[in-house]
N, C-alpha and C. Protein backbone atom coordinates (compact mmCIF):
# COMPACT_ATOMS: atom_id res chain seq x y z
N MET A 1 0.81 -1.35 0.28
CA MET A 1 0.25 -0.09 0.33
C MET A 1 0.78 0.95 0.07
N SER A 2 0.58 2.30 -0.43
CA SER A 2 1.44 3.07 -1.10
C SER A 2 1.01 4.45 -0.12
N TYR A 3 -0.28 4.53 0.40
CA TYR A 3 -0.44 5.75 1.69
C TYR A 3 -1.06 5.18 2.72
N LYS A 4 -1.24 6.21 3.52
CA LYS A 4 -1.73 6.21 4.94
C LYS A 4 -2.95 7.48 5.12
N GLN A 5 -3.83 7.08 5.85
CA GLN A 5 -4.96 7.51 6.22
C GLN A 5 -4.94 8.15 7.35
N THR A 6 -5.24 9.12 7.88
CA THR A 6 -5.24 9.70 9.37
C THR A 6 -5.62 11.46 10.27
N SER A 7 -5.66 11.25 11.03
CA SER A 7 -6.42 12.45 11.43
C SER A 7 -5.50 12.94 12.69
N VAL A 8 -4.91 13.63 12.76
CA VAL A 8 -4.03 14.38 14.09
C VAL A 8 -5.03 14.91 14.64
N ASN A 9 -5.29 14.71 15.91
CA ASN A 9 -5.78 15.73 16.81
C ASN A 9 -7.57 16.32 16.37
N GLY A 10 -7.90 15.22 15.69
CA GLY A 10 -9.33 15.83 14.13
C GLY A 10 -8.96 16.34 13.22
N GLU A 11 -7.51 16.65 12.95
CA GLU A 11 -7.50 17.39 11.61
C GLU A 11 -6.94 16.47 10.83
N ASP A 12 -7.71 16.68 9.58
CA ASP A 12 -7.67 15.89 8.04
C ASP A 12 -6.62 16.75 7.14
N PHE A 13 -6.17 17.98 7.31
CA PHE A 13 -5.78 18.65 6.83
C PHE A 13 -4.33 18.50 6.52
N VAL A 14 -3.41 17.60 6.81
CA VAL A 14 -2.64 16.95 7.21
C VAL A 14 -1.06 17.47 6.27
N GLY A 15 -1.73 17.77 5.26
CA GLY A 15 -0.84 18.54 4.82
C GLY A 15 -0.12 20.13 5.62
N LEU A 16 -1.23 20.54 6.36
CA LEU A 16 -0.73 21.83 6.89
C LEU A 16 0.53 21.18 8.05
N LEU A 17 0.38 20.26 8.27
CA LEU A 17 1.32 19.82 9.48
C LEU A 17 2.50 18.99 9.50
N GLY A 18 2.79 18.78 8.29
CA GLY A 18 4.15 18.54 7.84
C GLY A 18 4.36 18.31 6.40
N LEU A 19 5.74 17.79 6.04
CA LEU A 19 6.22 18.14 4.41
C LEU A 19 7.12 16.84 4.60
N ALA A 20 7.19 16.16 3.36
CA ALA A 20 8.38 15.08 3.32
C ALA A 20 8.78 15.28 1.84
N THR A 21 10.20 14.37 1.83
CA THR A 21 11.27 14.78 0.63
C THR A 21 11.71 13.47 0.73
N ASP A 22 12.24 13.10 -0.41
CA ASP A 22 13.04 11.94 -0.26
C ASP A 22 14.17 11.38 0.62
N LYS A 23 14.57 12.41 1.10
CA LYS A 23 15.49 12.63 1.82
C LYS A 23 15.38 12.19 3.48
N TYR A 24 14.21 13.05 3.76
CA TYR A 24 14.03 13.70 4.92
C TYR A 24 12.41 14.17 5.05
N ALA A 25 11.28 13.98 6.45
CA ALA A 25 10.48 14.35 6.59
C ALA A 25 10.31 15.16 8.00
N LEU A 26 9.67 16.14 7.94
CA LEU A 26 9.50 17.20 9.18
C LEU A 26 7.85 16.74 9.33
N ILE A 27 6.98 16.67 10.31
CA ILE A 27 6.33 16.34 11.06
C ILE A 27 5.98 16.94 12.52
N SER A 28 4.77 17.48 12.99
CA SER A 28 3.81 17.42 14.24
C SER A 28 4.56 16.61 14.85
N THR A 29 3.98 16.97 16.18
CA THR A 29 4.20 15.58 17.35
C THR A 29 2.71 14.95 17.41
N GLY A 30 1.88 15.28 16.72
CA GLY A 30 0.90 14.84 17.01
C GLY A 30 0.56 13.33 15.79
N PHE A 31 1.10 13.35 15.37
CA PHE A 31 1.77 11.99 14.08
C PHE A 31 1.85 11.22 14.79
N LYS A 32 1.18 9.74 14.82
CA LYS A 32 1.65 8.26 15.17
C LYS A 32 2.53 7.71 14.39
N ASP A 33 2.42 7.34 13.52
CA ASP A 33 2.45 7.21 12.37
C ASP A 33 3.29 7.44 11.29
N ALA A 34 4.90 7.94 10.90
CA ALA A 34 5.06 8.23 9.30
C ALA A 34 5.95 6.87 8.43
N ARG A 35 5.41 6.25 9.08
CA ARG A 35 6.80 4.79 8.15
C ARG A 35 6.17 4.74 6.86
N ILE A 36 5.15 5.10 6.64
CA ILE A 36 4.79 4.97 4.95
C ILE A 36 5.73 5.92 4.02
N LEU A 37 6.20 7.00 4.61
CA LEU A 37 7.20 7.69 3.81
C LEU A 37 8.93 6.96 3.74
N GLU A 38 8.86 6.23 4.20
CA GLU A 38 10.45 5.72 4.30
C GLU A 38 11.82 6.23 4.28
N VAL A 39 11.71 7.40 5.15
CA VAL A 39 12.88 8.84 5.42
C VAL A 39 12.99 8.99 6.88
N ALA A 40 14.04 9.40 6.92
CA ALA A 40 14.39 10.25 8.29
C ALA A 40 13.44 10.90 8.76
N THR A 41 12.32 10.94 9.90
CA THR A 41 11.18 11.93 10.12
C THR A 41 12.17 12.54 11.54
N VAL A 42 11.89 13.39 11.77
CA VAL A 42 12.18 14.42 12.94
C VAL A 42 10.56 14.60 13.23
N LYS A 43 9.85 14.90 14.25
CA LYS A 43 8.49 15.41 14.73
C LYS A 43 8.94 16.42 15.81
N THR A 44 8.49 17.36 15.28
CA THR A 44 8.46 18.82 15.90
C THR A 44 7.60 19.85 15.89
N ASN A 45 7.51 21.06 16.59
CA ASN A 45 6.97 21.97 16.09
C ASN A 45 7.66 23.35 15.75
N ILE A 46 6.89 24.23 15.21
CA ILE A 46 7.90 25.20 14.54
C ILE A 46 7.19 26.73 14.95
N TYR A 47 7.47 27.73 15.28
CA TYR A 47 7.00 29.03 16.02
C TYR A 47 5.97 28.81 17.05
N GLY A 48 5.88 27.88 17.84
CA GLY A 48 5.09 27.68 18.67
C GLY A 48 3.33 27.10 18.05
N THR A 49 3.99 26.20 17.07
CA THR A 49 2.84 25.74 16.37
C THR A 49 2.94 24.54 15.70
N ASN A 50 1.69 23.75 15.12
CA ASN A 50 2.13 22.40 14.97
C ASN A 50 1.99 22.23 13.29
N LEU A 51 2.03 23.48 12.27
CA LEU A 51 1.89 23.91 11.42
C LEU A 51 3.12 23.90 10.64
N LEU A 52 3.37 23.12 10.38
CA LEU A 52 4.87 22.55 9.68
C LEU A 52 4.94 22.75 8.55
N GLY A 53 3.85 22.09 7.76
CA GLY A 53 3.54 22.01 6.31
C GLY A 53 2.84 23.39 5.86
N MET A 54 2.72 24.28 6.74
CA MET A 54 2.28 25.54 5.98
C MET A 54 3.24 26.65 5.94
N PHE A 55 3.98 26.69 7.22
CA PHE A 55 5.54 27.52 7.14
C PHE A 55 6.89 27.33 6.39
N CYS A 56 6.94 25.47 5.87
CA CYS A 56 8.27 25.45 5.54
C CYS A 56 8.02 24.82 4.16
N ALA A 57 8.72 24.65 3.69
CA ALA A 57 8.60 24.37 1.86
C ALA A 57 10.17 23.79 1.87
N GLY A 58 10.43 22.44 1.25
CA GLY A 58 11.86 21.88 1.01
C GLY A 58 11.74 20.81 -0.15
N ASN A 59 12.83 20.34 -0.53
CA ASN A 59 13.28 19.43 -1.47
C ASN A 59 14.47 18.30 -0.66
N SER A 60 14.98 17.83 -1.28
CA SER A 60 16.31 16.80 -0.71
C SER A 60 17.58 17.36 -0.28
N ASN A 61 17.36 18.61 -1.08
CA ASN A 61 18.39 20.03 -1.02
C ASN A 61 18.27 20.28 0.15
N GLY A 62 17.08 20.63 0.11
CA GLY A 62 17.44 21.95 1.45
C GLY A 62 16.02 22.09 2.07
N LEU A 63 15.75 23.25 3.33
CA LEU A 63 14.72 23.40 3.61
C LEU A 63 14.52 24.62 3.53
N LEU A 64 13.16 25.38 3.69
CA LEU A 64 12.95 26.48 3.52
C LEU A 64 11.91 26.96 4.72
N VAL A 65 12.66 28.02 5.93
CA VAL A 65 11.74 28.40 6.89
C VAL A 65 11.65 29.95 6.49
N PRO A 66 10.13 30.44 7.30
CA PRO A 66 10.29 32.05 7.31
C PRO A 66 11.18 32.81 8.19
N TYR A 67 11.61 34.25 7.90
CA TYR A 67 12.45 34.41 8.86
C TYR A 67 12.39 34.96 10.13
N PHE A 68 11.14 34.26 10.84
CA PHE A 68 11.23 34.87 12.19
C PHE A 68 11.60 33.44 13.08
N ILE A 69 11.73 32.26 12.69
CA ILE A 69 12.61 30.72 13.38
C ILE A 69 13.75 31.16 13.77
N GLU A 70 13.49 30.98 15.32
CA GLU A 70 14.92 31.16 15.58
C GLU A 70 15.99 30.44 15.45
N ASN A 71 17.26 30.92 15.22
CA ASN A 71 18.11 29.90 15.27
C ASN A 71 18.37 28.84 15.83
N GLU A 72 18.07 28.67 16.72
CA GLU A 72 18.09 27.47 17.89
C GLU A 72 16.98 26.45 17.13
N LYS A 73 16.21 26.92 16.90
CA LYS A 73 15.41 25.91 16.29
C LYS A 73 15.69 25.28 14.97
N ILE A 74 16.51 26.11 13.97
CA ILE A 74 17.03 25.77 12.81
C ILE A 74 18.25 24.50 13.34
N ASN A 75 19.30 24.91 14.15
CA ASN A 75 20.19 24.26 14.84
C ASN A 75 19.97 23.05 14.96
N TRP A 76 18.72 22.80 16.12
CA TRP A 76 18.19 21.87 16.27
C TRP A 76 17.79 20.74 15.43
N ILE A 77 16.71 21.13 14.51
CA ILE A 77 16.56 20.78 13.03
C ILE A 77 17.95 20.05 12.46
N LYS A 78 18.63 20.45 12.17
CA LYS A 78 19.85 20.32 11.10
C LYS A 78 20.67 18.65 12.10
N LYS A 79 20.38 19.33 13.57
CA LYS A 79 21.33 18.47 14.46
C LYS A 79 20.22 16.43 14.14
N GLN A 80 19.24 16.79 14.53
CA GLN A 80 18.28 15.59 14.62
C GLN A 80 18.78 14.86 12.85
N LEU A 81 18.62 15.91 12.03
CA LEU A 81 18.62 15.06 10.83
C LEU A 81 19.96 14.56 10.23
N LYS A 82 20.99 15.18 11.13
CA LYS A 82 22.47 14.92 10.64
C LYS A 82 22.33 13.65 11.75
N GLU A 83 21.83 13.06 13.22
CA GLU A 83 22.01 11.95 13.20
C GLU A 83 21.40 11.13 12.59
N HIS A 84 20.63 11.20 11.67
CA HIS A 84 19.74 10.17 10.50
C HIS A 84 20.76 9.94 9.66
N GLY A 85 21.95 10.49 9.51
CA GLY A 85 22.60 10.61 8.30
C GLY A 85 21.93 11.72 7.48
N VAL A 86 21.20 12.73 7.57
CA VAL A 86 20.72 13.59 6.35
C VAL A 86 21.17 15.46 6.96
N ASP A 87 22.06 15.57 5.84
CA ASP A 87 22.60 17.00 5.83
C ASP A 87 22.16 17.99 4.66
N ILE A 88 21.42 18.76 4.93
CA ILE A 88 20.85 19.82 4.09
C ILE A 88 20.85 21.41 4.34
N ASN A 89 20.80 22.11 3.27
CA ASN A 89 20.84 23.55 3.54
C ASN A 89 19.22 23.99 4.11
N ILE A 90 19.72 25.17 5.18
CA ILE A 90 18.12 25.26 5.76
C ILE A 90 18.31 26.52 5.88
N GLU A 91 16.87 27.72 4.75
CA GLU A 91 17.24 29.01 5.07
C GLU A 91 16.12 29.69 5.38
N LYS A 92 16.83 30.75 5.67
CA LYS A 92 15.30 31.71 5.81
C LYS A 92 15.18 32.68 4.90
N VAL A 93 13.36 32.82 4.90
CA VAL A 93 13.06 33.54 3.59
C VAL A 93 12.95 34.81 4.08
N ASP A 94 13.38 36.11 3.99
CA ASP A 94 12.79 37.18 4.63
C ASP A 94 12.13 37.94 3.48
N ASP A 95 11.23 37.85 3.88
CA ASP A 95 9.73 38.30 2.90
C ASP A 95 8.66 38.50 3.81
N THR A 96 7.89 39.39 2.83
CA THR A 96 6.70 39.56 3.69
C THR A 96 5.52 38.36 4.08
N TYR A 97 5.61 37.58 2.95
CA TYR A 97 4.76 36.16 3.06
C TYR A 97 5.66 35.69 3.74
N THR A 98 4.85 34.51 4.75
CA THR A 98 5.99 33.32 5.81
C THR A 98 5.28 32.29 5.41
N ALA A 99 3.79 31.93 4.44
CA ALA A 99 3.26 30.76 5.14
C ALA A 99 4.13 29.78 3.99
N LEU A 100 4.95 29.64 3.86
CA LEU A 100 5.99 28.84 2.54
C LEU A 100 5.43 27.85 2.30
N GLY A 101 4.88 27.11 2.74
CA GLY A 101 4.27 25.90 2.19
C GLY A 101 3.55 26.15 1.60
N ASN A 102 2.53 26.94 1.65
CA ASN A 102 1.32 27.34 0.99
C ASN A 102 1.77 27.71 -0.44
N LEU A 103 2.91 28.65 -0.42
CA LEU A 103 3.73 29.51 -2.08
C LEU A 103 4.62 28.92 -2.32
N VAL A 104 5.33 27.60 -2.30
CA VAL A 104 6.02 26.69 -2.93
C VAL A 104 5.89 25.53 -3.21
N CYS A 105 6.04 25.10 -4.29
CA CYS A 105 5.82 23.66 -4.98
C CYS A 105 7.03 23.28 -5.21
N ALA A 106 7.52 22.19 -4.73
CA ALA A 106 8.75 21.75 -5.00
C ALA A 106 9.21 20.78 -5.05
N ASN A 107 10.19 19.88 -6.02
CA ASN A 107 10.70 18.74 -5.97
C ASN A 107 12.32 18.64 -6.12
N ASP A 108 12.81 17.40 -6.75
CA ASP A 108 14.40 17.76 -6.53
C ASP A 108 14.55 17.90 -7.78
N LYS A 109 13.74 18.39 -8.75
CA LYS A 109 14.03 18.86 -10.24
C LYS A 109 13.55 20.14 -10.61
N ALA A 110 13.22 20.82 -9.54
CA ALA A 110 12.53 22.25 -9.99
C ALA A 110 11.56 22.53 -8.72
N ALA A 111 11.22 23.78 -8.88
CA ALA A 111 10.28 24.72 -8.19
C ALA A 111 9.74 25.75 -8.63
N ILE A 112 7.98 25.42 -8.03
CA ILE A 112 7.38 26.94 -8.43
C ILE A 112 6.84 27.54 -7.79
N ILE A 113 7.15 28.76 -7.66
CA ILE A 113 6.65 30.01 -5.84
C ILE A 113 5.84 30.94 -6.55
N SER A 114 5.41 31.32 -6.04
CA SER A 114 4.62 32.20 -5.76
C SER A 114 4.55 33.32 -6.85
N THR A 115 3.64 34.39 -7.21
CA THR A 115 4.37 35.43 -7.83
C THR A 115 4.22 36.63 -6.98
N GLU A 116 3.80 36.20 -6.01
CA GLU A 116 4.02 37.04 -4.57
C GLU A 116 5.47 37.66 -4.14
N PHE A 117 6.16 36.52 -4.62
CA PHE A 117 7.43 36.74 -4.17
C PHE A 117 8.36 37.70 -4.44
N LYS A 118 9.09 38.55 -4.14
CA LYS A 118 9.71 39.63 -5.01
C LYS A 118 11.40 38.96 -5.69
N HIS A 119 11.79 38.21 -4.97
CA HIS A 119 13.03 37.93 -5.36
C HIS A 119 12.89 35.93 -5.81
N HIS A 120 13.83 35.49 -6.31
CA HIS A 120 13.72 33.78 -6.27
C HIS A 120 14.93 33.28 -5.91
N LYS A 121 16.05 33.79 -5.70
CA LYS A 121 17.07 33.77 -5.66
C LYS A 121 17.38 32.63 -4.50
N VAL A 122 17.06 33.23 -3.55
CA VAL A 122 16.86 32.33 -1.88
C VAL A 122 16.58 30.66 -2.26
N PHE A 123 15.39 30.73 -2.79
CA PHE A 123 14.76 29.64 -2.84
C PHE A 123 15.94 28.56 -3.92
N GLU A 124 16.07 29.08 -5.04
CA GLU A 124 17.24 28.44 -6.02
C GLU A 124 18.29 27.96 -5.18
N ASP A 125 18.83 29.00 -4.45
CA ASP A 125 20.29 28.45 -3.68
C ASP A 125 19.93 26.97 -2.70
N ALA A 126 18.86 27.79 -2.18
CA ALA A 126 18.11 26.35 -0.93
C ALA A 126 18.35 25.23 -1.30
N LEU A 127 17.36 25.17 -2.75
CA LEU A 127 16.93 24.18 -2.71
C LEU A 127 17.65 23.20 -4.27
N GLY A 128 18.68 24.08 -4.81
CA GLY A 128 19.27 23.53 -5.64
C GLY A 128 18.97 23.73 -6.89
N VAL A 129 17.05 23.95 -7.33
CA VAL A 129 16.77 23.76 -8.09
C VAL A 129 16.41 25.04 -9.21
N GLU A 130 16.21 24.99 -10.49
CA GLU A 130 15.44 26.71 -10.91
C GLU A 130 14.06 26.39 -10.15
N ALA A 131 13.77 28.22 -9.98
CA ALA A 131 12.64 28.26 -9.46
C ALA A 131 11.94 29.37 -10.17
N VAL A 132 10.52 28.98 -10.93
CA VAL A 132 9.68 29.21 -11.48
C VAL A 132 8.41 30.21 -10.93
N LYS A 133 8.59 31.27 -11.55
CA LYS A 133 7.21 32.00 -10.76
C LYS A 133 6.34 31.72 -11.63
N ARG A 134 5.06 31.10 -10.80
CA ARG A 134 3.54 31.20 -11.76
C ARG A 134 2.55 31.23 -10.79
N ASP A 135 1.20 31.25 -11.46
CA ASP A 135 0.16 31.09 -10.81
C ASP A 135 -0.47 29.76 -10.93
N ILE A 136 -0.87 28.68 -10.61
CA ILE A 136 -1.68 27.66 -10.91
C ILE A 136 -3.36 27.41 -10.55
N ALA A 137 -4.29 27.50 -11.42
CA ALA A 137 -5.68 27.91 -11.48
C ALA A 137 -5.92 29.07 -11.39
N LYS A 138 -5.43 29.95 -10.97
CA LYS A 138 -5.47 31.39 -11.16
C LYS A 138 -5.37 31.38 -9.29
N HIS A 139 -4.39 31.02 -8.66
CA HIS A 139 -4.27 31.01 -7.83
C HIS A 139 -3.00 31.45 -7.28
N LYS A 140 -2.21 32.19 -6.53
CA LYS A 140 -0.84 32.24 -6.15
C LYS A 140 -0.57 31.37 -5.11
N GLU A 141 -1.30 30.55 -4.30
CA GLU A 141 -0.66 29.82 -3.47
C GLU A 141 -0.68 28.79 -3.98
N VAL A 142 0.57 29.07 -5.27
CA VAL A 142 1.28 27.36 -5.47
C VAL A 142 1.19 26.12 -4.47
N GLY A 143 1.69 26.28 -3.47
CA GLY A 143 1.80 25.24 -2.86
C GLY A 143 0.63 24.55 -2.19
N ALA A 144 -0.02 25.43 -2.06
CA ALA A 144 -1.49 24.93 -1.54
C ALA A 144 -2.32 23.91 -2.52
N CYS A 145 -2.21 24.82 -4.13
CA CYS A 145 -2.83 23.96 -5.67
C CYS A 145 -1.74 23.14 -5.31
N CYS A 146 -0.68 22.86 -4.97
CA CYS A 146 0.06 21.33 -6.02
C CYS A 146 0.81 20.77 -4.96
N LYS A 147 0.91 19.30 -5.29
CA LYS A 147 1.86 18.65 -4.32
C LYS A 147 2.45 17.80 -5.59
N ALA A 148 3.92 17.97 -5.72
CA ALA A 148 4.71 17.37 -5.98
C ALA A 148 5.69 16.58 -5.20
N THR A 149 6.07 15.60 -6.37
CA THR A 149 7.40 14.53 -5.72
C THR A 149 8.50 14.50 -6.93
N ASN A 150 9.39 13.39 -6.78
CA ASN A 150 10.23 13.16 -8.02
C ASN A 150 9.51 11.71 -9.10
N LYS A 151 8.17 11.87 -8.71
CA LYS A 151 7.45 10.90 -9.63
C LYS A 151 6.19 11.19 -10.49
N GLY A 152 5.72 12.36 -9.89
CA GLY A 152 4.35 12.95 -10.33
C GLY A 152 3.94 14.05 -9.23
N PHE A 153 2.83 14.81 -9.70
CA PHE A 153 2.31 15.90 -8.92
C PHE A 153 0.56 16.06 -8.87
N LEU A 154 -0.03 16.12 -7.91
CA LEU A 154 -1.82 16.50 -8.04
C LEU A 154 -1.30 18.09 -8.16
N ALA A 155 -2.36 18.51 -8.90
CA ALA A 155 -3.03 19.90 -8.80
C ALA A 155 -4.43 20.21 -8.35
N HIS A 156 -4.73 21.27 -8.52
CA HIS A 156 -6.16 22.23 -8.00
C HIS A 156 -6.98 21.72 -8.76
N ALA A 157 -8.13 20.78 -8.69
CA ALA A 157 -9.00 20.51 -9.47
C ALA A 157 -9.38 21.31 -10.61
N GLU A 158 -8.81 22.73 -10.55
CA GLU A 158 -9.54 23.57 -11.59
C GLU A 158 -8.30 24.00 -12.56
N THR A 159 -6.94 23.49 -12.49
CA THR A 159 -6.11 23.34 -13.28
C THR A 159 -6.39 22.81 -14.53
N THR A 160 -6.24 23.45 -15.54
CA THR A 160 -6.33 23.44 -16.88
C THR A 160 -5.74 22.30 -17.70
N PRO A 161 -6.23 21.73 -19.19
CA PRO A 161 -5.13 21.06 -19.45
C PRO A 161 -3.76 21.92 -19.87
N ASP A 162 -4.24 22.78 -20.40
CA ASP A 162 -2.73 23.38 -20.76
C ASP A 162 -1.65 23.98 -19.52
N GLU A 163 -1.95 24.03 -18.78
CA GLU A 163 -1.54 24.31 -17.05
C GLU A 163 -0.59 23.33 -17.03
N LEU A 164 -1.73 22.01 -16.45
CA LEU A 164 -1.09 20.84 -16.30
C LEU A 164 0.13 20.48 -17.05
N LYS A 165 0.04 20.72 -18.52
CA LYS A 165 1.01 20.29 -19.26
C LYS A 165 2.31 21.22 -19.26
N GLU A 166 2.53 22.19 -19.06
CA GLU A 166 3.16 23.47 -18.68
C GLU A 166 3.74 23.32 -17.35
N ILE A 167 3.18 22.95 -16.27
CA ILE A 167 3.87 22.02 -15.16
C ILE A 167 4.56 20.91 -15.02
N GLU A 168 4.24 19.99 -15.94
CA GLU A 168 4.65 18.98 -16.20
C GLU A 168 6.57 19.37 -16.90
N LYS A 169 6.32 20.22 -17.73
CA LYS A 169 7.60 21.06 -18.39
C LYS A 169 8.48 21.85 -17.43
N ILE A 170 8.04 22.10 -16.09
CA ILE A 170 8.71 22.60 -14.92
C ILE A 170 9.25 21.78 -14.15
N LEU A 171 8.47 21.28 -13.33
CA LEU A 171 8.40 19.81 -12.89
C LEU A 171 9.39 18.84 -13.19
N LYS A 172 9.29 18.33 -14.42
CA LYS A 172 9.99 17.26 -15.40
C LYS A 172 9.18 16.13 -15.21
N VAL A 173 7.78 16.09 -14.28
CA VAL A 173 7.13 15.05 -13.91
C VAL A 173 5.63 15.11 -14.61
N PRO A 174 4.96 13.43 -14.33
CA PRO A 174 3.68 13.55 -15.09
C PRO A 174 2.46 14.25 -14.11
N GLY A 175 1.76 14.57 -14.00
CA GLY A 175 0.50 15.01 -13.38
C GLY A 175 -0.93 15.19 -13.80
N LYS A 176 -1.68 15.19 -12.51
CA LYS A 176 -3.13 15.55 -13.38
C LYS A 176 -3.78 16.24 -11.80
N GLU A 177 -4.91 16.60 -12.25
CA GLU A 177 -5.83 17.56 -11.28
C GLU A 177 -6.10 16.61 -10.25
N GLY A 178 -7.03 17.01 -9.27
CA GLY A 178 -7.73 16.10 -8.30
C GLY A 178 -8.32 16.81 -6.94
N THR A 179 -8.42 16.38 -6.02
CA THR A 179 -9.36 17.27 -4.64
C THR A 179 -8.85 15.82 -3.79
N ILE A 180 -9.00 16.56 -2.29
CA ILE A 180 -8.88 15.53 -1.51
C ILE A 180 -9.68 16.17 -0.44
N ASN A 181 -9.55 15.06 1.20
CA ASN A 181 -10.62 15.31 1.88
C ASN A 181 -12.26 15.64 1.35
N PHE A 182 -12.71 14.60 0.27
CA PHE A 182 -14.06 14.54 0.00
C PHE A 182 -14.47 16.03 -0.92
N GLY A 183 -13.40 16.38 -1.61
CA GLY A 183 -13.76 17.84 -2.64
C GLY A 183 -13.12 18.77 -2.35
N PHE A 184 -12.04 19.04 -1.48
CA PHE A 184 -11.53 20.41 -1.52
C PHE A 184 -10.43 20.29 -2.14
N PRO A 185 -10.45 21.16 -2.97
CA PRO A 185 -9.17 21.42 -4.37
C PRO A 185 -7.92 21.64 -4.09
N PHE A 186 -7.87 22.14 -2.72
CA PHE A 186 -6.35 22.62 -2.28
C PHE A 186 -5.59 21.49 -1.61
N VAL A 187 -5.24 20.70 -3.00
CA VAL A 187 -4.39 19.55 -2.03
C VAL A 187 -3.56 19.69 -1.73
N GLY A 188 -2.70 20.28 -1.50
CA GLY A 188 -0.96 20.76 -0.76
C GLY A 188 -1.81 20.60 0.98
N SER A 189 -3.20 20.96 1.19
CA SER A 189 -3.23 21.19 2.42
C SER A 189 -3.61 19.67 2.94
N GLY A 190 -3.44 18.93 2.00
CA GLY A 190 -4.58 17.39 2.67
C GLY A 190 -3.13 16.46 2.43
N LEU A 191 -2.03 16.92 1.64
CA LEU A 191 -1.08 15.46 1.40
C LEU A 191 0.52 15.57 2.12
N ILE A 192 1.06 14.66 2.83
CA ILE A 192 1.89 14.72 2.84
C ILE A 192 2.89 13.78 2.00
N ALA A 193 3.88 14.44 0.93
CA ALA A 193 4.02 13.08 -0.36
C ALA A 193 5.44 12.88 -0.51
N ASN A 194 5.99 12.00 -0.93
CA ASN A 194 7.32 11.42 -1.76
C ASN A 194 6.88 10.58 -2.48
N SER A 195 8.21 10.07 -2.79
CA SER A 195 8.54 8.94 -3.94
C SER A 195 7.89 8.00 -3.27
N HIS A 196 7.96 7.23 -1.93
CA HIS A 196 7.92 6.08 -1.78
C HIS A 196 6.54 5.96 -1.20
N GLY A 197 5.54 7.56 -1.17
CA GLY A 197 3.97 6.87 -0.19
C GLY A 197 4.03 8.48 -0.16
N TYR A 198 2.39 8.38 0.64
CA TYR A 198 2.13 9.60 0.72
C TYR A 198 1.07 9.38 2.15
N ILE A 199 0.74 10.80 2.95
CA ILE A 199 -0.75 10.50 4.02
C ILE A 199 -1.46 11.96 3.64
N THR A 200 -2.56 11.34 3.94
CA THR A 200 -3.79 11.97 3.38
C THR A 200 -4.62 11.55 4.67
N GLY A 201 -5.67 12.59 4.58
CA GLY A 201 -6.31 12.81 5.64
C GLY A 201 -7.77 12.01 5.66
N LEU A 202 -8.53 11.40 6.65
CA LEU A 202 -9.78 10.45 6.34
C LEU A 202 -10.62 10.49 5.56
N ARG A 203 -11.08 11.38 5.10
CA ARG A 203 -12.10 11.93 4.76
C ARG A 203 -11.79 11.95 3.05
N THR A 204 -10.92 11.84 3.05
CA THR A 204 -10.07 11.39 1.07
C THR A 204 -11.04 10.50 0.99
N SER A 205 -11.68 10.09 0.14
CA SER A 205 -12.24 9.49 -0.16
C SER A 205 -11.45 8.25 -1.35
N GLY A 206 -12.28 6.86 -1.76
CA GLY A 206 -11.62 6.00 -2.58
C GLY A 206 -11.78 6.68 -3.63
N ILE A 207 -12.54 7.09 -4.10
CA ILE A 207 -12.08 7.90 -5.60
C ILE A 207 -10.94 9.08 -5.77
N GLU A 208 -10.72 9.84 -4.68
CA GLU A 208 -9.62 10.44 -4.89
C GLU A 208 -8.52 9.76 -4.28
N LEU A 209 -8.21 8.72 -3.49
CA LEU A 209 -7.33 7.86 -3.57
C LEU A 209 -6.73 7.41 -4.57
N GLY A 210 -7.52 7.07 -5.66
CA GLY A 210 -7.55 6.51 -6.68
C GLY A 210 -6.35 7.27 -7.56
N ALA A 211 -7.09 8.79 -7.44
CA ALA A 211 -6.69 9.71 -8.66
C ALA A 211 -5.23 10.43 -7.84
N ILE A 212 -4.95 10.32 -6.56
CA ILE A 212 -3.65 10.50 -6.01
C ILE A 212 -2.56 9.74 -6.12
N ASP A 213 -3.34 8.18 -6.20
CA ASP A 213 -2.36 7.04 -6.88
C ASP A 213 -1.64 7.47 -8.15
N ASP A 214 -2.75 7.36 -8.86
CA ASP A 214 -2.47 7.43 -10.30
C ASP A 214 -1.49 9.11 -10.88
N ALA A 215 -1.89 9.84 -9.72
CA ALA A 215 -1.09 11.36 -10.21
C ALA A 215 0.10 11.04 -9.46
N LEU A 216 0.75 10.79 -8.62
CA LEU A 216 1.68 10.62 -7.95
C LEU A 216 2.82 9.25 -8.41
N GLY A 217 2.10 8.42 -9.23
CA GLY A 217 2.93 7.53 -9.95
C GLY A 217 2.56 6.30 -8.92
N PHE A 218 1.58 5.74 -8.59
CA PHE A 218 1.85 4.64 -7.27
C PHE A 218 1.21 3.63 -8.24
N PHE A 219 0.83 3.98 -9.39
CA PHE A 219 -0.26 3.20 -10.29
C PHE A 219 1.06 1.83 -11.19
């Protein structure tokens, strides 16, 4: 099985509570089991909240955090990951917009970042890939609108066929549109995913699970 359905303290929008790459995962302390991701996993919080997936974004090369995250927390995360044999860049993004997980969609091949950001060099430096500014389905919250891995991506239900082709060219993986949690189109808020598997909420239907499996390359 490629997926696990769960609720964290009654919350089905698990994508707000963690993120995963093919090298590591950061998840809130409320998760009981994230073994489906098959990577080094650190349980923590950030800025006094469990919203790791909302505030942070990353790929196997690096992690992006808001400017207000304490250096002590960054050093602690790096130390925990190094104990698992994972050494990554962690960069602060000095920008007005701090919900980075909602505004960045990345895999190990490229990144799509919101047009709200003034600069993109910090994203390219931290993630080690080209960062392209664009909207998805007429929304600036590209991280909420698209969840990408190194095998595929799932995009907002209103993403057009032409947009899907453009995103495929950028991220260099195939993808499809879909929903999570029984019809919610902002798929990034309800998925933690990498090339090994994914975690989604209990409300995500069987039809939606099939679409996610297809989009992320698990069929």
